[in-house]
């Protein structure tokens, strides 16, 4: 399907309240970058020539922002980014007035949420993670097929929700992040259960995929007396670690027409001359300029597990 007519909708307002809607023919630019790390994703949105009253309304504290974008030929605007508006400022760049917004995904929930958890022997991590998501006020996206650890001696925690998630997930072989105000939990190097995106020349792929190789660095302890034999064993261990780390990081960088529904952890089926197969999205960057610039998605794809 040909895709030519861009569209977007930006809604900003208090949580659960009436928001301000900004849409065409207003000019907007955005840089939305997401990865699967625990630290929240930070997005930049620039809006041109807003009325003074609208600019003032965007400076109120603790507003939520939801950016929808896409093509009218498809489903119109699809949720691309969401989060708390942590900064809003305006610069006068004659003849334009440019208002820039900094949006942090999950900022309020990660900053303010404390959880109280107490589970007896035999509790499983899936049940506890669901309780954390509920106390944080976030929707949970976790594959039903995800293997869950059993805590033989129970699990208790009181404190920041993000610390509870770190402890739970690290001890269970899974990873967590916040994507579009949703708590996402998948196996380490695993994938979500969202639909597979097929990427080829006739479905939006731009140019050829680029091979990504990132060298791993391993710090070695200082040598001491009588360490020759230990060093040989350590060298073999380090070499194995480097190979494993390279396997984890190596992949492909691909660019396509805007795919607003793509998030870290999703599956992409590549069908190009250089690359075939099913890959995991390690990170993604959506870049948009409504009036004629980029309207694209760039992904770092790596081998998936499972």
C-alpha atoms as a PDB file:
ATOM      1  CA  UNK A   1       0.000   0.000   0.000  1.00  0.00           C
ATOM      2  CA  UNK A   2       1.329   3.425  -0.963  1.00  0.00           C
ATOM      3  CA  UNK A   3       1.812   5.769   1.991  1.00  0.00           C
ATOM      4  CA  UNK A   4       1.959   9.487   1.262  1.00  0.00           C
ATOM      5  CA  UNK A   5      -0.425  11.414   3.516  1.00  0.00           C
ATOM      6  CA  UNK A   6       1.150  11.930   6.912  1.00  0.00           C
ATOM      7  CA  UNK A   7      -0.934  12.541   9.973  1.00  0.00           C
ATOM      8  CA  UNK A   8      -0.431  13.136  13.687  1.00  0.00           C
ATOM      9  CA  UNK A   9      -2.245  14.067  16.863  1.00  0.00           C
ATOM     10  CA  UNK A  10      -0.624  15.298  20.072  1.00  0.00           C
ATOM     11  CA  UNK A  11      -2.744  15.290  23.234  1.00  0.00           C
ATOM     12  CA  UNK A  12      -1.378  16.986  26.364  1.00  0.00           C
ATOM     13  CA  UNK A  13      -3.232  17.356  29.647  1.00  0.00           C
ATOM     14  CA  UNK A  14      -3.534  16.252  33.283  1.00  0.00           C
ATOM     15  CA  UNK A  15      -3.875  12.535  33.967  1.00  0.00           C
ATOM     16  CA  UNK A  16      -7.530  11.620  33.544  1.00  0.00           C
ATOM     17  CA  UNK A  17      -8.474  15.205  32.652  1.00  0.00           C
ATOM     18  CA  UNK A  18      -9.276  17.297  29.608  1.00  0.00           C
ATOM     19  CA  UNK A  19      -6.303  17.776  27.314  1.00  0.00           C
ATOM     20  CA  UNK A  20      -5.129  20.092  24.572  1.00  0.00           C
ATOM     21  CA  UNK A  21      -5.117  18.534  21.098  1.00  0.00           C
ATOM     22  CA  UNK A  22      -2.614  19.661  18.462  1.00  0.00           C
ATOM     23  CA  UNK A  23      -2.987  18.308  14.945  1.00  0.00           C
ATOM     24  CA  UNK A  24      -2.548  19.265  11.264  1.00  0.00           C
ATOM     25  CA  UNK A  25      -2.125  21.745   9.716  1.00  0.00           C
ATOM     26  CA  UNK A  26       0.180  22.673  12.633  1.00  0.00           C
ATOM     27  CA  UNK A  27       3.851  21.887  12.082  1.00  0.00           C
ATOM     28  CA  UNK A  28       5.471  19.343  14.391  1.00  0.00           C
ATOM     29  CA  UNK A  29       8.818  17.584  14.638  1.00  0.00           C
ATOM     30  CA  UNK A  30       9.696  14.706  16.944  1.00  0.00           C
ATOM     31  CA  UNK A  31      12.614  12.507  17.978  1.00  0.00           C
ATOM     32  CA  UNK A  32      11.349   9.447  19.824  1.00  0.00           C
ATOM     33  CA  UNK A  33      14.035   7.009  20.960  1.00  0.00           C
ATOM     34  CA  UNK A  34      13.276   3.799  22.848  1.00  0.00           C
ATOM     35  CA  UNK A  35      15.343   0.924  24.199  1.00  0.00           C
ATOM     36  CA  UNK A  36      14.742  -2.022  26.508  1.00  0.00           C
ATOM     37  CA  UNK A  37      16.694  -0.678  29.482  1.00  0.00           C
ATOM     38  CA  UNK A  38      15.185   0.032  32.877  1.00  0.00           C
ATOM     39  CA  UNK A  39      15.909   3.763  32.642  1.00  0.00           C
ATOM     40  CA  UNK A  40      12.914   5.613  31.152  1.00  0.00           C
ATOM     41  CA  UNK A  41      12.869   6.669  27.504  1.00  0.00           C
ATOM     42  CA  UNK A  42      13.142  10.407  26.845  1.00  0.00           C
ATOM     43  CA  UNK A  43      11.441  11.996  23.815  1.00  0.00           C
ATOM     44  CA  UNK A  44      11.655  15.423  22.201  1.00  0.00           C
ATOM     45  CA  UNK A  45       8.704  17.095  20.456  1.00  0.00           C
ATOM     46  CA  UNK A  46       8.809  20.499  18.772  1.00  0.00           C
ATOM     47  CA  UNK A  47       5.658  22.428  17.824  1.00  0.00           C
ATOM     48  CA  UNK A  48       5.658  25.545  15.681  1.00  0.00           C
ATOM     49  CA  UNK A  49       3.703  28.779  16.113  1.00  0.00           C
ATOM     50  CA  UNK A  50       1.301  27.908  18.901  1.00  0.00           C
ATOM     51  CA  UNK A  51      -0.927  30.564  20.367  1.00  0.00           C
ATOM     52  CA  UNK A  52       0.393  32.220  23.516  1.00  0.00           C
ATOM     53  CA  UNK A  53      -2.435  30.750  25.614  1.00  0.00           C
ATOM     54  CA  UNK A  54      -1.615  27.236  24.380  1.00  0.00           C
ATOM     55  CA  UNK A  55       2.076  27.714  25.134  1.00  0.00           C
ATOM     56  CA  UNK A  56       1.197  28.823  28.666  1.00  0.00           C
ATOM     57  CA  UNK A  57      -1.076  25.799  29.177  1.00  0.00           C
ATOM     58  CA  UNK A  58       1.799  23.477  28.251  1.00  0.00           C
ATOM     59  CA  UNK A  59       3.932  24.882  31.083  1.00  0.00           C
ATOM     60  CA  UNK A  60       1.726  23.494  33.876  1.00  0.00           C
ATOM     61  CA  UNK A  61       3.317  20.771  36.051  1.00  0.00           C
ATOM     62  CA  UNK A  62       2.783  17.001  35.761  1.00  0.00           C
ATOM     63  CA  UNK A  63       1.017  16.967  32.414  1.00  0.00           C
ATOM     64  CA  UNK A  64       0.782  13.792  30.346  1.00  0.00           C
ATOM     65  CA  UNK A  65       1.579  13.734  26.630  1.00  0.00           C
ATOM     66  CA  UNK A  66       0.400  11.238  24.021  1.00  0.00           C
ATOM     67  CA  UNK A  67       1.726  11.437  20.476  1.00  0.00           C
ATOM     68  CA  UNK A  68      -0.080   9.591  17.683  1.00  0.00           C
ATOM     69  CA  UNK A  69       1.400   9.490  14.183  1.00  0.00           C
ATOM     70  CA  UNK A  70       1.246   7.535  10.948  1.00  0.00           C
ATOM     71  CA  UNK A  71      -0.346   7.638   7.531  1.00  0.00           C
ATOM     72  CA  UNK A  72      -3.936   8.317   6.565  1.00  0.00           C
ATOM     73  CA  UNK A  73      -3.772   5.460   4.035  1.00  0.00           C
ATOM     74  CA  UNK A  74      -3.390   3.016   6.918  1.00  0.00           C
ATOM     75  CA  UNK A  75      -5.001   3.398  10.317  1.00  0.00           C
ATOM     76  CA  UNK A  76      -4.306   7.092  10.723  1.00  0.00           C
ATOM     77  CA  UNK A  77      -2.460   8.137  13.861  1.00  0.00           C
ATOM     78  CA  UNK A  78      -1.200   5.249  16.035  1.00  0.00           C
ATOM     79  CA  UNK A  79       0.255   5.726  19.514  1.00  0.00           C
ATOM     80  CA  UNK A  80       3.952   6.460  18.991  1.00  0.00           C
ATOM     81  CA  UNK A  81       5.050   7.883  22.345  1.00  0.00           C
ATOM     82  CA  UNK A  82       3.602   8.675  25.761  1.00  0.00           C
ATOM     83  CA  UNK A  83       4.800   9.920  29.101  1.00  0.00           C
ATOM     84  CA  UNK A  84       5.055  12.785  31.550  1.00  0.00           C
ATOM     85  CA  UNK A  85       5.847  16.263  30.262  1.00  0.00           C
ATOM     86  CA  UNK A  86       8.902  17.188  32.339  1.00  0.00           C
ATOM     87  CA  UNK A  87       9.989  20.340  30.512  1.00  0.00           C
ATOM     88  CA  UNK A  88       8.441  22.869  28.155  1.00  0.00           C
ATOM     89  CA  UNK A  89      10.137  25.963  26.788  1.00  0.00           C
ATOM     90  CA  UNK A  90       9.662  28.308  23.864  1.00  0.00           C
ATOM     91  CA  UNK A  91      12.250  29.997  21.696  1.00  0.00           C
ATOM     92  CA  UNK A  92      11.660  32.734  19.170  1.00  0.00           C
ATOM     93  CA  UNK A  93      13.396  31.671  15.978  1.00  0.00           C
ATOM     94  CA  UNK A  94      12.177  34.366  13.580  1.00  0.00           C
ATOM     95  CA  UNK A  95       9.834  34.043  11.802  1.00  0.00           C
ATOM     96  CA  UNK A  96       8.814  30.999  13.883  1.00  0.00           C
ATOM     97  CA  UNK A  97       7.951  30.467  17.513  1.00  0.00           C
ATOM     98  CA  UNK A  98       9.103  26.994  18.496  1.00  0.00           C
ATOM     99  CA  UNK A  99       7.850  25.220  21.624  1.00  0.00           C
ATOM    100  CA  UNK A 100       9.921  22.213  22.662  1.00  0.00           C
ATOM    101  CA  UNK A 101       8.598  19.493  24.942  1.00  0.00           C
ATOM    102  CA  UNK A 102      10.632  16.891  26.827  1.00  0.00           C
ATOM    103  CA  UNK A 103       8.531  13.794  27.531  1.00  0.00           C
ATOM    104  CA  UNK A 104       9.721  10.958  29.784  1.00  0.00           C
ATOM    105  CA  UNK A 105       7.956   7.603  29.523  1.00  0.00           C
ATOM    106  CA  UNK A 106       6.753   6.349  32.910  1.00  0.00           C
ATOM    107  CA  UNK A 107       8.405   9.257  34.728  1.00  0.00           C
ATOM    108  CA  UNK A 108       5.655   9.873  37.273  1.00  0.00           C
ATOM    109  CA  UNK A 109       5.106   6.200  38.054  1.00  0.00           C
ATOM    110  CA  UNK A 110       8.829   5.473  38.433  1.00  0.00           C
ATOM    111  CA  UNK A 111       9.407   8.602  40.507  1.00  0.00           C
ATOM    112  CA  UNK A 112       6.453   8.362  42.853  1.00  0.00           C
ATOM    113  CA  UNK A 113       5.491   4.699  43.180  1.00  0.00           C
ATOM    114  CA  UNK A 114       6.363   2.792  46.342  1.00  0.00           C
ATOM    115  CA  UNK A 115       5.156  -0.771  46.756  1.00  0.00           C
ATOM    116  CA  UNK A 116       4.484  -3.031  49.718  1.00  0.00           C
ATOM    117  CA  UNK A 117       4.853  -6.725  48.934  1.00  0.00           C
ATOM    118  CA  UNK A 118       4.696  -9.769  51.175  1.00  0.00           C
ATOM    119  CA  UNK A 119       4.383 -13.257  49.699  1.00  0.00           C
ATOM    120  CA  UNK A 120       4.884 -16.588  51.367  1.00  0.00           C
ATOM    121  CA  UNK A 121       6.897 -19.601  50.260  1.00  0.00           C
ATOM    122  CA  UNK A 122       6.071 -20.807  46.763  1.00  0.00           C
ATOM    123  CA  UNK A 123       5.062 -17.416  45.347  1.00  0.00           C
ATOM    124  CA  UNK A 124       5.876 -17.016  41.670  1.00  0.00           C
ATOM    125  CA  UNK A 125       7.411 -13.961  40.054  1.00  0.00           C
ATOM    126  CA  UNK A 126       4.574 -13.468  37.528  1.00  0.00           C
ATOM    127  CA  UNK A 127       2.051 -12.988  40.323  1.00  0.00           C
ATOM    128  CA  UNK A 128       4.309 -10.526  42.136  1.00  0.00           C
ATOM    129  CA  UNK A 129       5.082  -8.524  38.979  1.00  0.00           C
ATOM    130  CA  UNK A 130       1.350  -8.192  38.307  1.00  0.00           C
ATOM    131  CA  UNK A 131       0.917  -6.792  41.820  1.00  0.00           C
ATOM    132  CA  UNK A 132       3.723  -4.264  41.256  1.00  0.00           C
ATOM    133  CA  UNK A 133       2.170  -3.089  37.984  1.00  0.00           C
ATOM    134  CA  UNK A 134      -1.198  -2.697  39.724  1.00  0.00           C
ATOM    135  CA  UNK A 135       0.293  -0.615  42.544  1.00  0.00           C
ATOM    136  CA  UNK A 136       2.132   1.543  40.005  1.00  0.00           C
ATOM    137  CA  UNK A 137      -1.050   2.119  38.011  1.00  0.00           C
ATOM    138  CA  UNK A 138       0.478   0.741  34.806  1.00  0.00           C
ATOM    139  CA  UNK A 139      -0.955  -1.736  32.331  1.00  0.00           C
ATOM    140  CA  UNK A 140       1.245  -4.856  32.199  1.00  0.00           C
ATOM    141  CA  UNK A 141       2.444  -6.375  28.923  1.00  0.00           C
ATOM    142  CA  UNK A 142       3.974  -9.779  29.762  1.00  0.00           C
ATOM    143  CA  UNK A 143       3.875 -12.899  27.546  1.00  0.00           C
ATOM    144  CA  UNK A 144       1.652 -15.640  28.940  1.00  0.00           C
ATOM    145  CA  UNK A 145       4.329 -18.151  27.929  1.00  0.00           C
ATOM    146  CA  UNK A 146       6.982 -16.452  30.066  1.00  0.00           C
ATOM    147  CA  UNK A 147       8.590 -18.867  32.495  1.00  0.00           C
ATOM    148  CA  UNK A 148       8.068 -17.756  36.081  1.00  0.00           C
ATOM    149  CA  UNK A 149      10.451 -18.268  38.977  1.00  0.00           C
ATOM    150  CA  UNK A 150       9.174 -19.760  42.201  1.00  0.00           C
ATOM    151  CA  UNK A 151      10.444 -18.003  45.336  1.00  0.00           C
ATOM    152  CA  UNK A 152      10.932 -20.965  47.681  1.00  0.00           C
ATOM    153  CA  UNK A 153      11.321 -18.771  50.746  1.00  0.00           C
ATOM    154  CA  UNK A 154       8.774 -16.153  49.750  1.00  0.00           C
ATOM    155  CA  UNK A 155       9.308 -12.578  48.669  1.00  0.00           C
ATOM    156  CA  UNK A 156       8.992  -9.393  50.727  1.00  0.00           C
ATOM    157  CA  UNK A 157       9.777  -5.829  49.748  1.00  0.00           C
ATOM    158  CA  UNK A 158       8.864  -2.297  50.712  1.00  0.00           C
ATOM    159  CA  UNK A 159      10.227   0.671  48.822  1.00  0.00           C
ATOM    160  CA  UNK A 160      10.488   2.175  45.325  1.00  0.00           C
ATOM    161  CA  UNK A 161       8.655   0.160  42.682  1.00  0.00           C
ATOM    162  CA  UNK A 162      11.555   0.281  40.232  1.00  0.00           C
ATOM    163  CA  UNK A 163      13.851  -1.346  42.821  1.00  0.00           C
ATOM    164  CA  UNK A 164      11.298  -4.082  43.395  1.00  0.00           C
ATOM    165  CA  UNK A 165      11.110  -4.711  39.650  1.00  0.00           C
ATOM    166  CA  UNK A 166      14.893  -4.805  39.372  1.00  0.00           C
ATOM    167  CA  UNK A 167      15.154  -7.379  42.164  1.00  0.00           C
ATOM    168  CA  UNK A 168      12.275  -9.485  40.842  1.00  0.00           C
ATOM    169  CA  UNK A 169      13.329  -9.488  37.213  1.00  0.00           C
ATOM    170  CA  UNK A 170      17.034  -9.943  37.774  1.00  0.00           C
ATOM    171  CA  UNK A 171      16.293 -12.948  39.943  1.00  0.00           C
ATOM    172  CA  UNK A 172      13.878 -14.411  37.391  1.00  0.00           C
ATOM    173  CA  UNK A 173      15.816 -14.130  34.117  1.00  0.00           C
ATOM    174  CA  UNK A 174      13.560 -11.456  32.652  1.00  0.00           C
ATOM    175  CA  UNK A 175      13.907  -7.764  31.819  1.00  0.00           C
ATOM    176  CA  UNK A 176      11.551  -4.857  32.307  1.00  0.00           C
ATOM    177  CA  UNK A 177      11.050  -1.428  30.763  1.00  0.00           C
ATOM    178  CA  UNK A 178       8.276   1.114  30.323  1.00  0.00           C
ATOM    179  CA  UNK A 179       7.022   1.557  26.774  1.00  0.00           C
ATOM    180  CA  UNK A 180       4.193   4.022  26.050  1.00  0.00           C
ATOM    181  CA  UNK A 181       3.144   4.090  29.716  1.00  0.00           C
ATOM    182  CA  UNK A 182       2.936   0.287  29.770  1.00  0.00           C
ATOM    183  CA  UNK A 183       5.111  -1.933  31.959  1.00  0.00           C
ATOM    184  CA  UNK A 184       6.731  -4.412  29.582  1.00  0.00           C
ATOM    185  CA  UNK A 185       8.306  -7.631  30.866  1.00  0.00           C
ATOM    186  CA  UNK A 186       9.973 -10.186  28.569  1.00  0.00           C
ATOM    187  CA  UNK A 187      12.647 -12.850  28.876  1.00  0.00           C
ATOM    188  CA  UNK A 188      16.201 -11.543  28.630  1.00  0.00           C
ATOM    189  CA  UNK A 189      16.774 -11.145  24.873  1.00  0.00           C
ATOM    190  CA  UNK A 190      13.224 -12.419  24.429  1.00  0.00           C
ATOM    191  CA  UNK A 191      10.304 -10.870  22.584  1.00  0.00           C
ATOM    192  CA  UNK A 192       6.771  -9.658  23.122  1.00  0.00           C
ATOM    193  CA  UNK A 193       3.681 -11.415  21.791  1.00  0.00           C
ATOM    194  CA  UNK A 194       2.700  -8.502  19.584  1.00  0.00           C
ATOM    195  CA  UNK A 195       2.221  -9.244  15.898  1.00  0.00           C
ATOM    196  CA  UNK A 196       5.317  -9.823  13.789  1.00  0.00           C
ATOM    197  CA  UNK A 197       6.179  -6.897  11.493  1.00  0.00           C
ATOM    198  CA  UNK A 198       7.326  -7.977   8.030  1.00  0.00           C
ATOM    199  CA  UNK A 199       9.869  -5.602   6.530  1.00  0.00           C
ATOM    200  CA  UNK A 200      10.881  -5.632   2.883  1.00  0.00           C
ATOM    201  CA  UNK A 201      11.223  -3.157   0.018  1.00  0.00           C
ATOM    202  CA  UNK A 202       7.501  -3.101  -0.815  1.00  0.00           C
ATOM    203  CA  UNK A 203       6.441  -2.714   2.840  1.00  0.00           C
ATOM    204  CA  UNK A 204       8.534   0.334   3.721  1.00  0.00           C
ATOM    205  CA  UNK A 205      12.194  -0.726   3.954  1.00  0.00           C
ATOM    206  CA  UNK A 206      14.483   2.145   2.941  1.00  0.00           C
ATOM    207  CA  UNK A 207      17.854   1.289   1.431  1.00  0.00           C
ATOM    208  CA  UNK A 208      19.907  -1.687   2.564  1.00  0.00           C
ATOM    209  CA  UNK A 209      20.392  -2.935   6.142  1.00  0.00           C
ATOM    210  CA  UNK A 210      23.739  -2.050   7.749  1.00  0.00           C
ATOM    211  CA  UNK A 211      25.663  -4.631   9.750  1.00  0.00           C
ATOM    212  CA  UNK A 212      26.241  -3.585  13.374  1.00  0.00           C
ATOM    213  CA  UNK A 213      29.229  -4.969  15.251  1.00  0.00           C
ATOM    214  CA  UNK A 214      30.020  -3.639  18.718  1.00  0.00           C
ATOM    215  CA  UNK A 215      33.271  -4.720  20.334  1.00  0.00           C
ATOM    216  CA  UNK A 216      32.951  -5.863  23.914  1.00  0.00           C
ATOM    217  CA  UNK A 217      35.499  -4.658  26.442  1.00  0.00           C
ATOM    218  CA  UNK A 218      36.568  -6.776  29.393  1.00  0.00           C
ATOM    219  CA  UNK A 219      38.509  -5.231  32.258  1.00  0.00           C
ATOM    220  CA  UNK A 220      41.222  -7.514  33.682  1.00  0.00           C
ATOM    221  CA  UNK A 221      42.397  -7.372  37.291  1.00  0.00           C
ATOM    222  CA  UNK A 222      45.969  -6.359  38.018  1.00  0.00           C
ATOM    223  CA  UNK A 223      48.511  -9.180  37.749  1.00  0.00           C
ATOM    224  CA  UNK A 224      50.146 -10.442  40.911  1.00  0.00           C
ATOM    225  CA  UNK A 225      52.810 -13.005  41.810  1.00  0.00           C
ATOM    226  CA  UNK A 226      52.138 -16.554  40.615  1.00  0.00           C
ATOM    227  CA  UNK A 227      49.240 -15.644  38.355  1.00  0.00           C
ATOM    228  CA  UNK A 228      50.450 -17.204  35.067  1.00  0.00           C
ATOM    229  CA  UNK A 229      48.270 -20.329  35.278  1.00  0.00           C
ATOM    230  CA  UNK A 230      45.299 -18.369  36.573  1.00  0.00           C
ATOM    231  CA  UNK A 231      45.751 -15.848  33.768  1.00  0.00           C
ATOM    232  CA  UNK A 232      45.518 -18.565  31.084  1.00  0.00           C
ATOM    233  CA  UNK A 233      42.266 -19.828  32.563  1.00  0.00           C
ATOM    234  CA  UNK A 234      41.005 -16.269  32.898  1.00  0.00           C
ATOM    235  CA  UNK A 235      41.977 -15.516  29.295  1.00  0.00           C
ATOM    236  CA  UNK A 236      39.871 -18.434  28.088  1.00  0.00           C
ATOM    237  CA  UNK A 237      36.999 -17.248  30.272  1.00  0.00           C
ATOM    238  CA  UNK A 238      37.336 -13.669  29.031  1.00  0.00           C
ATOM    239  CA  UNK A 239      37.455 -14.850  25.413  1.00  0.00           C
ATOM    240  CA  UNK A 240      34.248 -16.804  25.923  1.00  0.00           C
ATOM    241  CA  UNK A 241      32.659 -13.779  27.573  1.00  0.00           C
ATOM    242  CA  UNK A 242      33.630 -11.530  24.663  1.00  0.00           C
ATOM    243  CA  UNK A 243      32.218 -13.970  22.112  1.00  0.00           C
ATOM    244  CA  UNK A 244      28.995 -14.210  24.096  1.00  0.00           C
ATOM    245  CA  UNK A 245      28.771 -10.431  24.426  1.00  0.00           C
ATOM    246  CA  UNK A 246      29.368  -9.905  20.704  1.00  0.00           C
ATOM    247  CA  UNK A 247      26.703 -12.419  19.871  1.00  0.00           C
ATOM    248  CA  UNK A 248      24.353 -10.466  22.092  1.00  0.00           C
ATOM    249  CA  UNK A 249      25.169  -7.106  20.551  1.00  0.00           C
ATOM    250  CA  UNK A 250      25.781  -7.852  16.882  1.00  0.00           C
ATOM    251  CA  UNK A 251      22.872  -7.266  14.575  1.00  0.00           C
ATOM    252  CA  UNK A 252      21.531  -5.004  11.851  1.00  0.00           C
ATOM    253  CA  UNK A 253      20.501  -1.386  11.591  1.00  0.00           C
ATOM    254  CA  UNK A 254      17.504  -0.942   9.310  1.00  0.00           C
ATOM    255  CA  UNK A 255      15.512   2.111   8.244  1.00  0.00           C
ATOM    256  CA  UNK A 256      11.927   2.222   7.059  1.00  0.00           C
ATOM    257  CA  UNK A 257       8.961   4.472   6.547  1.00  0.00           C
ATOM    258  CA  UNK A 258       7.424   5.377   9.903  1.00  0.00           C
ATOM    259  CA  UNK A 259       6.249   2.321  11.856  1.00  0.00           C
ATOM    260  CA  UNK A 260       4.687   3.892  14.969  1.00  0.00           C
ATOM    261  CA  UNK A 261       3.647   0.574  16.529  1.00  0.00           C
ATOM    262  CA  UNK A 262       7.208  -0.798  16.754  1.00  0.00           C
ATOM    263  CA  UNK A 263       8.705  -0.978  20.262  1.00  0.00           C
ATOM    264  CA  UNK A 264      11.808  -2.601  21.780  1.00  0.00           C
ATOM    265  CA  UNK A 265      11.273  -6.330  22.263  1.00  0.00           C
ATOM    266  CA  UNK A 266       9.003  -6.663  19.241  1.00  0.00           C
ATOM    267  CA  UNK A 267       9.642  -9.137  16.424  1.00  0.00           C
ATOM    268  CA  UNK A 268      10.586  -8.123  12.890  1.00  0.00           C
ATOM    269  CA  UNK A 269      10.641 -10.533   9.970  1.00  0.00           C
ATOM    270  CA  UNK A 270      13.342  -9.286   7.596  1.00  0.00           C
ATOM    271  CA  UNK A 271      13.045 -10.119   3.916  1.00  0.00           C
ATOM    272  CA  UNK A 272      15.830  -8.373   2.006  1.00  0.00           C
ATOM    273  CA  UNK A 273      18.751  -9.387  -0.148  1.00  0.00           C
ATOM    274  CA  UNK A 274      21.180  -9.102   2.796  1.00  0.00           C
ATOM    275  CA  UNK A 275      19.041 -10.230   5.725  1.00  0.00           C
ATOM    276  CA  UNK A 276      16.325 -12.806   6.238  1.00  0.00           C
ATOM    277  CA  UNK A 277      14.763 -14.253   9.331  1.00  0.00           C
ATOM    278  CA  UNK A 278      13.038 -13.248  12.545  1.00  0.00           C
ATOM    279  CA  UNK A 279      14.805 -10.662  14.733  1.00  0.00           C
ATOM    280  CA  UNK A 280      14.267  -8.819  18.004  1.00  0.00           C
ATOM    281  CA  UNK A 281      14.071  -5.014  18.114  1.00  0.00           C
ATOM    282  CA  UNK A 282      16.776  -3.967  20.564  1.00  0.00           C
ATOM    283  CA  UNK A 283      16.178  -0.232  20.158  1.00  0.00           C
ATOM    284  CA  UNK A 284      14.143   2.011  17.886  1.00  0.00           C
ATOM    285  CA  UNK A 285      14.196   5.663  16.872  1.00  0.00           C
ATOM    286  CA  UNK A 286      11.187   7.391  15.303  1.00  0.00           C
ATOM    287  CA  UNK A 287      11.944  10.705  13.603  1.00  0.00           C
ATOM    288  CA  UNK A 288       9.296  12.972  12.154  1.00  0.00           C
ATOM    289  CA  UNK A 289       8.937  16.313  10.437  1.00  0.00           C
ATOM    290  CA  UNK A 290       5.332  16.802   9.350  1.00  0.00           C
ATOM    291  CA  UNK A 291       6.009  19.346   6.636  1.00  0.00           C
ATOM    292  CA  UNK A 292       8.363  17.466   4.371  1.00  0.00           C
ATOM    293  CA  UNK A 293      11.308  16.161   6.418  1.00  0.00           C
ATOM    294  CA  UNK A 294      11.857  12.660   7.800  1.00  0.00           C
ATOM    295  CA  UNK A 295       8.911  10.465   8.673  1.00  0.00           C
ATOM    296  CA  UNK A 296      10.917   7.352   9.390  1.00  0.00           C
ATOM    297  CA  UNK A 297      11.788   4.582  11.842  1.00  0.00           C
ATOM    298  CA  UNK A 298      15.300   3.241  12.458  1.00  0.00           C
ATOM    299  CA  UNK A 299      15.765  -0.037  14.320  1.00  0.00           C
ATOM    300  CA  UNK A 300      18.659  -1.985  15.793  1.00  0.00           C
ATOM    301  CA  UNK A 301      17.805  -5.654  15.290  1.00  0.00           C
ATOM    302  CA  UNK A 302      19.533  -8.476  17.181  1.00  0.00           C
ATOM    303  CA  UNK A 303      19.143 -12.227  17.394  1.00  0.00           C
ATOM    304  CA  UNK A 304      16.283 -13.251  19.612  1.00  0.00           C
ATOM    305  CA  UNK A 305      16.029 -16.001  22.205  1.00  0.00           C
ATOM    306  CA  UNK A 306      13.048 -18.322  22.172  1.00  0.00           C
END
